[in-house]
Amino acid sequence: MKNVSIEERAVELAHYIINSKDTVRGAASKFGISKSTVHKDLSERLLKINPILAKEVRKILDKNKAERHIRGGMATKLKYSHLRNGKVG
């Protein structure tokens, strides 16, 4: 993502999130930037650049936030599933 303006990056991130339904963490990893930068781009900068696009992204971010505890629980379940399946007592 070199030589891209902040505004272009914010719009590109927005389109990525909308199309992929990815999380802030996933987008940060994909674009090689921090979660804080992704969040700032999508919640503050994009609002000034393109409020309509910002509103669409906000819906996805809110949905991801609401489902966060489920993903965390599934990750923990997967992490410890090998103990139940592989070992007895």
Protein backbone atom coordinates (compact mmCIF):
# COMPACT_ATOMS: atom_id res chain seq x y z
CA MET A 1 0.00 0.00 0.00
CA LYS A 2 2.88 2.36 -0.66
CA ASN A 3 2.35 5.75 -2.30
CA VAL A 4 -1.36 5.82 -1.53
CA SER A 5 -2.95 8.84 0.09
CA ILE A 6 -4.74 8.48 3.41
CA GLU A 7 -8.06 9.24 1.71
CA GLU A 8 -7.49 6.58 -0.96
CA ARG A 9 -6.49 4.08 1.71
CA ALA A 10 -9.64 4.78 3.71
CA VAL A 11 -11.86 4.25 0.66
CA GLU A 12 -9.96 1.10 -0.34
CA LEU A 13 -10.31 -0.27 3.20
CA ALA A 14 -14.03 0.50 3.14
CA HIS A 15 -14.56 -1.35 -0.12
CA TYR A 16 -12.51 -4.29 1.18
CA ILE A 17 -14.56 -4.53 4.41
CA ILE A 18 -17.86 -4.23 2.53
CA ASN A 19 -16.95 -6.88 -0.05
CA SER A 20 -15.23 -9.35 2.27
CA LYS A 21 -17.16 -8.71 5.52
CA ASP A 22 -13.74 -9.03 7.17
CA THR A 23 -12.94 -7.72 10.64
CA VAL A 24 -10.79 -4.70 11.49
CA ARG A 25 -8.05 -7.12 12.55
CA GLY A 26 -8.30 -9.02 9.26
CA ALA A 27 -8.21 -5.82 7.21
CA ALA A 28 -5.22 -4.55 9.17
CA SER A 29 -3.35 -7.76 8.44
CA LYS A 30 -4.31 -7.71 4.74
CA PHE A 31 -3.21 -4.08 4.28
CA GLY A 32 -0.16 -4.28 6.54
CA ILE A 33 -1.28 -1.52 8.89
CA SER A 34 -2.37 -1.38 12.53
CA LYS A 35 -5.89 -2.04 13.81
CA SER A 36 -5.91 1.50 15.18
CA THR A 37 -5.18 2.93 11.75
CA VAL A 38 -7.92 0.85 10.14
CA HIS A 39 -10.39 1.93 12.80
CA LYS A 40 -9.46 5.61 12.48
CA ASP A 41 -9.63 5.46 8.69
CA LEU A 42 -13.06 3.84 8.71
CA SER A 43 -14.71 5.65 11.60
CA GLU A 44 -13.29 9.17 11.34
CA ARG A 45 -11.59 9.88 8.02
CA LEU A 46 -14.09 8.05 5.82
CA LEU A 47 -16.95 9.93 7.44
CA LYS A 48 -15.48 13.19 6.09
CA ILE A 49 -14.57 11.73 2.69
CA ASN A 50 -17.68 9.71 1.88
CA PRO A 51 -20.44 9.62 4.53
CA ILE A 52 -22.58 7.16 2.57
CA LEU A 53 -19.75 4.65 2.29
CA ALA A 54 -18.92 5.22 5.96
CA LYS A 55 -22.49 4.32 6.90
CA GLU A 56 -22.29 1.03 4.97
CA VAL A 57 -18.99 0.14 6.65
CA ARG A 58 -20.37 1.06 10.07
CA LYS A 59 -23.11 -1.57 9.68
CA ILE A 60 -20.52 -4.28 9.07
CA LEU A 61 -18.23 -3.09 11.87
CA ASP A 62 -21.16 -3.05 14.30
CA LYS A 63 -22.20 -6.56 13.23
CA ASN A 64 -18.62 -7.81 13.66
CA LYS A 65 -18.43 -6.23 17.10
CA ALA A 66 -21.71 -7.86 18.12
CA GLU A 67 -20.40 -11.26 16.99
CA ARG A 68 -16.94 -10.83 18.54
CA HIS A 69 -17.71 -12.89 21.63
CA ILE A 70 -18.90 -15.79 19.46
CA ARG A 71 -15.70 -15.83 17.39
CA GLY A 72 -13.64 -15.72 20.59
CA GLY A 73 -15.56 -18.64 22.02
CA MET A 74 -15.12 -20.65 18.85
CA ALA A 75 -11.38 -19.96 18.83
CA THR A 76 -11.09 -21.15 22.43
CA LYS A 77 -13.15 -24.25 21.65
CA LEU A 78 -10.91 -25.06 18.69
CA LYS A 79 -7.77 -24.43 20.72
CA TYR A 80 -8.75 -26.94 23.40
CA SER A 81 -10.60 -29.46 21.22
CA HIS A 82 -7.43 -31.51 20.75
CA LEU A 83 -7.35 -32.21 24.49
CA ARG A 84 -10.77 -33.81 24.42
CA ASN A 85 -10.17 -35.74 21.21
CA GLY A 86 -6.61 -36.88 21.79
CA LYS A 87 -6.17 -37.57 25.49
CA VAL A 88 -8.19 -39.31 28.12
CA GLY A 89 -7.61 -38.32 31.75
